[in-house]
C-alpha atoms as a PDB file:
ATOM      1  CA  ASP A   1       7.424   1.185 -21.911  1.00  0.00           C
ATOM      2  CA  GLY A   2       4.428   3.499 -21.659  1.00  0.00           C
ATOM      3  CA  PRO A   3       6.159   6.461 -19.949  1.00  0.00           C
ATOM      4  CA  GLN A   4       3.499   8.592 -18.250  1.00  0.00           C
ATOM      5  CA  ALA A   5       5.219  10.268 -15.314  1.00  0.00           C
ATOM      6  CA  LEU A   6       8.125  12.696 -14.926  1.00  0.00           C
ATOM      7  CA  ALA A   7       9.813  14.528 -12.068  1.00  0.00           C
ATOM      8  CA  VAL A   8      12.892  16.759 -11.827  1.00  0.00           C
ATOM      9  CA  ASP A   9      14.982  17.330  -8.694  1.00  0.00           C
ATOM     10  CA  GLY A  10      16.961  20.375  -7.642  1.00  0.00           C
ATOM     11  CA  SER A  11      20.150  19.038  -9.224  1.00  0.00           C
ATOM     12  CA  GLY A  12      18.583  18.712 -12.654  1.00  0.00           C
ATOM     13  CA  ASN A  13      18.157  14.947 -12.592  1.00  0.00           C
ATOM     14  CA  VAL A  14      15.085  13.762 -14.499  1.00  0.00           C
ATOM     15  CA  TYR A  15      13.000  10.809 -13.285  1.00  0.00           C
ATOM     16  CA  VAL A  16      10.852   8.791 -15.695  1.00  0.00           C
ATOM     17  CA  ALA A  17       8.319   6.042 -14.945  1.00  0.00           C
ATOM     18  CA  GLY A  18       7.334   3.422 -17.500  1.00  0.00           C
ATOM     19  CA  THR A  19       3.731   2.525 -16.686  1.00  0.00           C
ATOM     20  CA  LEU A  20       3.724  -0.643 -18.809  1.00  0.00           C
ATOM     21  CA  SER A  21       7.241  -1.868 -18.008  1.00  0.00           C
ATOM     22  CA  ASN A  22       6.889  -1.038 -14.282  1.00  0.00           C
ATOM     23  CA  ASN A  23      10.298   0.621 -14.129  1.00  0.00           C
ATOM     24  CA  VAL A  24      11.547   3.973 -12.857  1.00  0.00           C
ATOM     25  CA  PHE A  25      14.750   5.537 -14.177  1.00  0.00           C
ATOM     26  CA  ARG A  26      16.912   8.520 -13.259  1.00  0.00           C
ATOM     27  CA  ILE A  27      18.547  10.474 -16.079  1.00  0.00           C
ATOM     28  CA  ALA A  28      21.430  12.499 -14.676  1.00  0.00           C
ATOM     29  CA  ALA A  29      22.010  16.062 -15.796  1.00  0.00           C
ATOM     30  CA  GLY A  30      25.069  14.718 -17.635  1.00  0.00           C
ATOM     31  CA  GLY A  31      23.008  12.090 -19.437  1.00  0.00           C
ATOM     32  CA  GLY A  32      23.745   8.896 -17.509  1.00  0.00           C
ATOM     33  CA  VAL A  33      20.743   6.605 -16.961  1.00  0.00           C
ATOM     34  CA  THR A  34      20.212   4.616 -13.740  1.00  0.00           C
ATOM     35  CA  HIS A  35      17.458   2.086 -13.050  1.00  0.00           C
ATOM     36  CA  LEU A  36      15.970   2.899  -9.619  1.00  0.00           C
ATOM     37  CA  VAL A  37      12.837   0.812  -9.121  1.00  0.00           C
ATOM     38  CA  GLY A  38      11.582  -2.254 -10.959  1.00  0.00           C
ATOM     39  CA  PRO A  39       8.501  -4.497 -10.843  1.00  0.00           C
ATOM     40  CA  ALA A  40       9.668  -6.065  -7.577  1.00  0.00           C
ATOM     41  CA  ALA A  41       9.846  -2.559  -6.036  1.00  0.00           C
ATOM     42  CA  GLY A  42      13.091  -3.195  -4.220  1.00  0.00           C
ATOM     43  CA  GLY A  43      11.599  -6.067  -2.251  1.00  0.00           C
ATOM     44  CA  ALA A  44       8.954  -3.782  -0.684  1.00  0.00           C
ATOM     45  CA  GLY A  45       6.104  -5.120  -2.817  1.00  0.00           C
ATOM     46  CA  VAL A  46       5.016  -5.065  -6.444  1.00  0.00           C
ATOM     47  CA  LEU A  47       5.196  -1.961  -8.625  1.00  0.00           C
ATOM     48  CA  ASN A  48       2.211  -2.143 -10.951  1.00  0.00           C
ATOM     49  CA  GLY A  49       1.457   0.781 -13.227  1.00  0.00           C
ATOM     50  CA  PRO A  50       3.540   3.687 -11.900  1.00  0.00           C
ATOM     51  CA  ARG A  51       1.394   6.703 -12.703  1.00  0.00           C
ATOM     52  CA  ASP A  52       3.088   9.657 -10.987  1.00  0.00           C
ATOM     53  CA  LEU A  53       6.376  10.633  -9.344  1.00  0.00           C
ATOM     54  CA  ALA A  54       7.351  13.249  -6.766  1.00  0.00           C
ATOM     55  CA  ILE A  55      10.637  14.322  -5.195  1.00  0.00           C
ATOM     56  CA  GLY A  56      10.747  14.673  -1.424  1.00  0.00           C
ATOM     57  CA  ALA A  57      13.219  15.876   1.178  1.00  0.00           C
ATOM     58  CA  GLY A  58      16.717  14.429   1.134  1.00  0.00           C
ATOM     59  CA  GLY A  59      16.357  13.119  -2.393  1.00  0.00           C
ATOM     60  CA  SER A  60      13.545  10.690  -1.635  1.00  0.00           C
ATOM     61  CA  LEU A  61      11.515   9.598  -4.651  1.00  0.00           C
ATOM     62  CA  TYR A  62       7.800   8.803  -4.338  1.00  0.00           C
ATOM     63  CA  VAL A  63       6.091   6.518  -6.846  1.00  0.00           C
ATOM     64  CA  ALA A  64       2.320   6.081  -7.185  1.00  0.00           C
ATOM     65  CA  SER A  65       1.493   2.503  -8.205  1.00  0.00           C
ATOM     66  CA  LEU A  66      -1.880   2.846  -9.915  1.00  0.00           C
ATOM     67  CA  PHE A  67      -3.040  -0.729 -10.253  1.00  0.00           C
ATOM     68  CA  ASN A  68      -2.309  -2.024  -6.749  1.00  0.00           C
ATOM     69  CA  ASP A  69      -3.229   1.072  -4.748  1.00  0.00           C
ATOM     70  CA  THR A  70       0.223   1.644  -3.276  1.00  0.00           C
ATOM     71  CA  VAL A  71       2.662   4.530  -2.941  1.00  0.00           C
ATOM     72  CA  PHE A  72       6.342   3.679  -2.565  1.00  0.00           C
ATOM     73  CA  ARG A  73       9.244   5.768  -1.306  1.00  0.00           C
ATOM     74  CA  ARG A  74      12.818   5.205  -2.476  1.00  0.00           C
ATOM     75  CA  THR A  75      15.410   6.954  -0.328  1.00  0.00           C
ATOM     76  CA  ALA A  76      18.604   8.447  -1.716  1.00  0.00           C
ATOM     77  CA  ALA A  77      20.363   5.375  -0.281  1.00  0.00           C
ATOM     78  CA  GLY A  78      18.171   3.085  -2.385  1.00  0.00           C
ATOM     79  CA  VAL A  79      15.856   1.722   0.316  1.00  0.00           C
ATOM     80  CA  VAL A  80      12.307   1.172  -0.977  1.00  0.00           C
ATOM     81  CA  SER A  81       9.303   1.056   1.355  1.00  0.00           C
ATOM     82  CA  VAL A  82       5.523   1.484   1.271  1.00  0.00           C
ATOM     83  CA  VAL A  83       4.298   4.851   2.576  1.00  0.00           C
ATOM     84  CA  LEU A  84       0.599   4.429   1.767  1.00  0.00           C
ATOM     85  CA  GLY A  85      -1.508   1.430   0.805  1.00  0.00           C
ATOM     86  CA  ALA A  86      -5.067   0.503  -0.106  1.00  0.00           C
ATOM     87  CA  ALA A  87      -6.236   0.929   3.513  1.00  0.00           C
ATOM     88  CA  GLY A  88      -5.686   4.681   3.159  1.00  0.00           C
ATOM     89  CA  ASP A  89      -5.929   6.334   6.559  1.00  0.00           C
ATOM     90  CA  GLY A  90      -6.959   3.069   8.233  1.00  0.00           C
ATOM     91  CA  ALA A  91     -10.147   4.720   9.430  1.00  0.00           C
ATOM     92  CA  GLY A  92     -12.472   3.581   6.646  1.00  0.00           C
ATOM     93  CA  ASN A  93     -11.187   5.919   3.941  1.00  0.00           C
ATOM     94  CA  PRO A  94      -9.379   3.692   1.399  1.00  0.00           C
ATOM     95  CA  LEU A  95      -6.939   4.559  -1.364  1.00  0.00           C
ATOM     96  CA  ASP A  96      -7.899   3.301  -4.823  1.00  0.00           C
ATOM     97  CA  ALA A  97      -5.913   4.008  -8.007  1.00  0.00           C
ATOM     98  CA  PRO A  98      -3.421   6.671  -6.849  1.00  0.00           C
ATOM     99  CA  ASN A  99      -2.841   8.870  -9.883  1.00  0.00           C
ATOM    100  CA  ALA A 100      -1.187  12.057  -8.620  1.00  0.00           C
ATOM    101  CA  LEU A 101       1.392  13.028  -5.993  1.00  0.00           C
ATOM    102  CA  GLY A 102       2.743  16.225  -4.480  1.00  0.00           C
ATOM    103  CA  VAL A 103       5.134  17.248  -1.702  1.00  0.00           C
ATOM    104  CA  ASP A 104       5.079  20.502   0.277  1.00  0.00           C
ATOM    105  CA  LEU A 105       7.956  22.437   1.818  1.00  0.00           C
ATOM    106  CA  SER A 106       7.437  20.692   5.170  1.00  0.00           C
ATOM    107  CA  GLY A 107       7.931  17.277   3.612  1.00  0.00           C
ATOM    108  CA  ASN A 108       4.275  16.261   3.695  1.00  0.00           C
ATOM    109  CA  LEU A 109       3.286  13.916   0.877  1.00  0.00           C
ATOM    110  CA  PHE A 110      -0.093  14.334  -0.827  1.00  0.00           C
ATOM    111  CA  VAL A 111      -1.719  11.444  -2.662  1.00  0.00           C
ATOM    112  CA  LEU A 112      -4.764  11.587  -4.933  1.00  0.00           C
ATOM    113  CA  GLY A 113      -6.951   8.494  -5.297  1.00  0.00           C
ATOM    114  CA  GLY A 114      -8.654   8.514  -8.687  1.00  0.00           C
ATOM    115  CA  LEU A 115     -11.186   5.760  -7.996  1.00  0.00           C
ATOM    116  CA  SER A 116     -11.537   6.319  -4.255  1.00  0.00           C
ATOM    117  CA  GLU A 117     -12.181   9.984  -5.110  1.00  0.00           C
ATOM    118  CA  ASN A 118     -10.175  11.420  -2.256  1.00  0.00           C
ATOM    119  CA  ALA A 119      -6.784  12.830  -1.307  1.00  0.00           C
ATOM    120  CA  PHE A 120      -4.526  12.127   1.651  1.00  0.00           C
ATOM    121  CA  ARG A 121      -1.729  13.924   3.467  1.00  0.00           C
ATOM    122  CA  VAL A 122       1.098  11.746   4.806  1.00  0.00           C
ATOM    123  CA  THR A 123       3.384  13.536   7.266  1.00  0.00           C
ATOM    124  CA  PRO A 124       7.133  12.761   7.478  1.00  0.00           C
ATOM    125  CA  GLY A 125       6.275  10.854  10.651  1.00  0.00           C
ATOM    126  CA  GLY A 126       3.763   8.665   8.816  1.00  0.00           C
ATOM    127  CA  LEU A 127       0.481  10.177  10.029  1.00  0.00           C
ATOM    128  CA  VAL A 128      -2.179   9.782   7.317  1.00  0.00           C
ATOM    129  CA  THR A 129      -5.139  12.155   7.028  1.00  0.00           C
ATOM    130  CA  GLU A 130      -7.843  12.331   4.372  1.00  0.00           C
ATOM    131  CA  ILE A 131      -8.051  16.001   3.309  1.00  0.00           C
ATOM    132  CA  ILE A 132     -10.867  15.842   0.723  1.00  0.00           C
ATOM    133  CA  ASP A 133     -13.353  13.259  -0.539  1.00  0.00           C
ATOM    134  CA  ASN A 134     -16.027  13.133  -3.228  1.00  0.00           C
ATOM    135  CA  SER A 135     -18.282  15.441  -1.215  1.00  0.00           C
ATOM    136  CA  GLY A 136     -15.928  18.227  -2.329  1.00  0.00           C
ATOM    137  CA  ASP A 137     -16.519  21.377  -0.324  1.00  0.00           C
ATOM    138  CA  GLY A 138     -19.511  19.876   1.474  1.00  0.00           C
ATOM    139  CA  LEU A 139     -21.716  22.638   0.061  1.00  0.00           C
ATOM    140  CA  GLY A 140     -23.080  20.724  -2.896  1.00  0.00           C
ATOM    141  CA  ASN A 141     -19.996  21.027  -5.076  1.00  0.00           C
ATOM    142  CA  SER A 142     -18.783  17.446  -5.331  1.00  0.00           C
ATOM    143  CA  MET A 143     -15.462  16.073  -6.622  1.00  0.00           C
ATOM    144  CA  ILE A 144     -15.910  13.135  -9.002  1.00  0.00           C
ATOM    145  CA  SER A 145     -13.112  11.317 -10.856  1.00  0.00           C
ATOM    146  CA  PRO A 146     -10.206  13.458  -9.578  1.00  0.00           C
ATOM    147  CA  MET A 147      -7.300  13.470 -12.006  1.00  0.00           C
ATOM    148  CA  ASP A 148      -4.558  15.795 -10.795  1.00  0.00           C
ATOM    149  CA  LEU A 149      -3.113  17.482  -7.728  1.00  0.00           C
ATOM    150  CA  ALA A 150      -0.725  20.388  -7.211  1.00  0.00           C
ATOM    151  CA  VAL A 151       0.857  21.783  -4.038  1.00  0.00           C
ATOM    152  CA  ALA A 152       1.651  25.475  -3.572  1.00  0.00           C
ATOM    153  CA  THR A 153       4.554  26.893  -1.564  1.00  0.00           C
ATOM    154  CA  SER A 154       1.913  28.125   0.901  1.00  0.00           C
ATOM    155  CA  GLY A 155       0.955  24.514   1.595  1.00  0.00           C
ATOM    156  CA  LYS A 156      -2.402  24.805  -0.157  1.00  0.00           C
ATOM    157  CA  VAL A 157      -3.388  21.796  -2.256  1.00  0.00           C
ATOM    158  CA  TYR A 158      -5.338  21.998  -5.515  1.00  0.00           C
ATOM    159  CA  VAL A 159      -7.337  19.046  -6.862  1.00  0.00           C
ATOM    160  CA  THR A 160      -9.294  18.697 -10.107  1.00  0.00           C
ATOM    161  CA  GLY A 161     -12.574  16.852 -10.489  1.00  0.00           C
ATOM    162  CA  GLN A 162     -12.659  15.532 -14.035  1.00  0.00           C
ATOM    163  CA  SER A 163     -16.307  14.497 -14.226  1.00  0.00           C
ATOM    164  CA  THR A 164     -17.571  17.389 -12.100  1.00  0.00           C
ATOM    165  CA  ARG A 165     -15.477  19.815 -14.186  1.00  0.00           C
ATOM    166  CA  ASN A 166     -14.092  21.779 -11.263  1.00  0.00           C
ATOM    167  CA  CYS A 167     -11.070  22.409  -9.065  1.00  0.00           C
ATOM    168  CA  PHE A 168     -10.802  22.721  -5.295  1.00  0.00           C
ATOM    169  CA  GLU A 169      -8.382  24.462  -2.966  1.00  0.00           C
ATOM    170  CA  VAL A 170      -7.594  22.799   0.367  1.00  0.00           C
ATOM    171  CA  THR A 171      -5.749  24.905   2.942  1.00  0.00           C
ATOM    172  CA  PRO A 172      -3.312  23.450   5.519  1.00  0.00           C
ATOM    173  CA  ALA A 173      -6.012  24.093   8.131  1.00  0.00           C
ATOM    174  CA  GLY A 174      -8.467  21.952   6.171  1.00  0.00           C
ATOM    175  CA  ALA A 175     -10.730  24.595   4.644  1.00  0.00           C
ATOM    176  CA  ILE A 176     -12.038  23.486   1.239  1.00  0.00           C
ATOM    177  CA  LYS A 177     -13.176  25.886  -1.487  1.00  0.00           C
ATOM    178  CA  GLU A 178     -14.240  25.336  -5.083  1.00  0.00           C
ATOM    179  CA  ILE A 179     -12.220  27.833  -7.138  1.00  0.00           C
ATOM    180  CA  ILE A 180     -13.548  27.076 -10.632  1.00  0.00           C
ATOM    181  CA  ASP A 181     -16.471  25.098 -12.017  1.00  0.00           C
ATOM    182  CA  ALA A 182     -17.842  24.105 -15.402  1.00  0.00           C
ATOM    183  CA  THR A 183     -18.798  27.721 -16.214  1.00  0.00           C
ATOM    184  CA  GLY A 184     -15.089  28.541 -16.556  1.00  0.00           C
ATOM    185  CA  ASP A 185     -14.622  32.300 -16.623  1.00  0.00           C
ATOM    186  CA  GLY A 186     -18.379  32.881 -16.701  1.00  0.00           C
ATOM    187  CA  THR A 187     -18.265  34.577 -20.116  1.00  0.00           C
ATOM    188  CA  GLY A 188     -18.820  31.537 -22.294  1.00  0.00           C
ATOM    189  CA  ASN A 189     -15.397  29.899 -21.993  1.00  0.00           C
ATOM    190  CA  ILE A 190     -16.370  26.712 -20.203  1.00  0.00           C
ATOM    191  CA  LEU A 191     -14.268  24.173 -18.303  1.00  0.00           C
ATOM    192  CA  SER A 192     -14.762  20.569 -19.379  1.00  0.00           C
ATOM    193  CA  PHE A 193     -12.849  17.361 -18.633  1.00  0.00           C
ATOM    194  CA  ALA A 194     -10.635  18.923 -15.946  1.00  0.00           C
ATOM    195  CA  THR A 195      -7.536  16.735 -16.150  1.00  0.00           C
ATOM    196  CA  GLY A 196      -4.644  18.916 -14.984  1.00  0.00           C
ATOM    197  CA  VAL A 197      -3.716  21.577 -12.474  1.00  0.00           C
ATOM    198  CA  ALA A 198      -0.497  23.508 -11.770  1.00  0.00           C
ATOM    199  CA  VAL A 199       0.398  26.322  -9.394  1.00  0.00           C
ATOM    200  CA  ASN A 200       3.172  28.903  -9.726  1.00  0.00           C
ATOM    201  CA  GLY A 201       5.338  30.597  -7.128  1.00  0.00           C
ATOM    202  CA  VAL A 202       2.874  33.372  -6.325  1.00  0.00           C
ATOM    203  CA  GLY A 203      -0.095  31.031  -5.993  1.00  0.00           C
END
């Protein structure tokens, strides 16, 4: 009920999250449907408003639970655990309303907080680092109401600011650059309500 998130793994399995029913399903390439995570989140907590999905190494599935500020991981063996909660990095940078996920080639998980207006990197070992906040690039280009996140094969992360009508690039080394703003292409084709971002194989 209320499907709003999709992911596809390397074997062609499709994953679907029902944001209102608080369920996540896998649809096999052959068509079989399997229920993977429900409202009880496999005993790891409560799944409340799954908003995005991402596939990690070894067939792990990540689920962003929008309404209780939690990101869950379900392993290929079916074990569900919390990988990031409302405390964020535990250093005063909280996670509020996670609405987008991404995974890089090294297995790092990236989580976007829509209401906390920040993004985190979670390493395979569990180290959490805030990589961008609402100050944006720190040069006067802020990031307000971020809506989407994409990860390139280079490890660069791209984040949209819906209200600020812009998009930022964050390198693995932590350099932040605004790559587009409300002026769009600068010839009259403006950018407004920046809700989505994607990156292809050549960046």
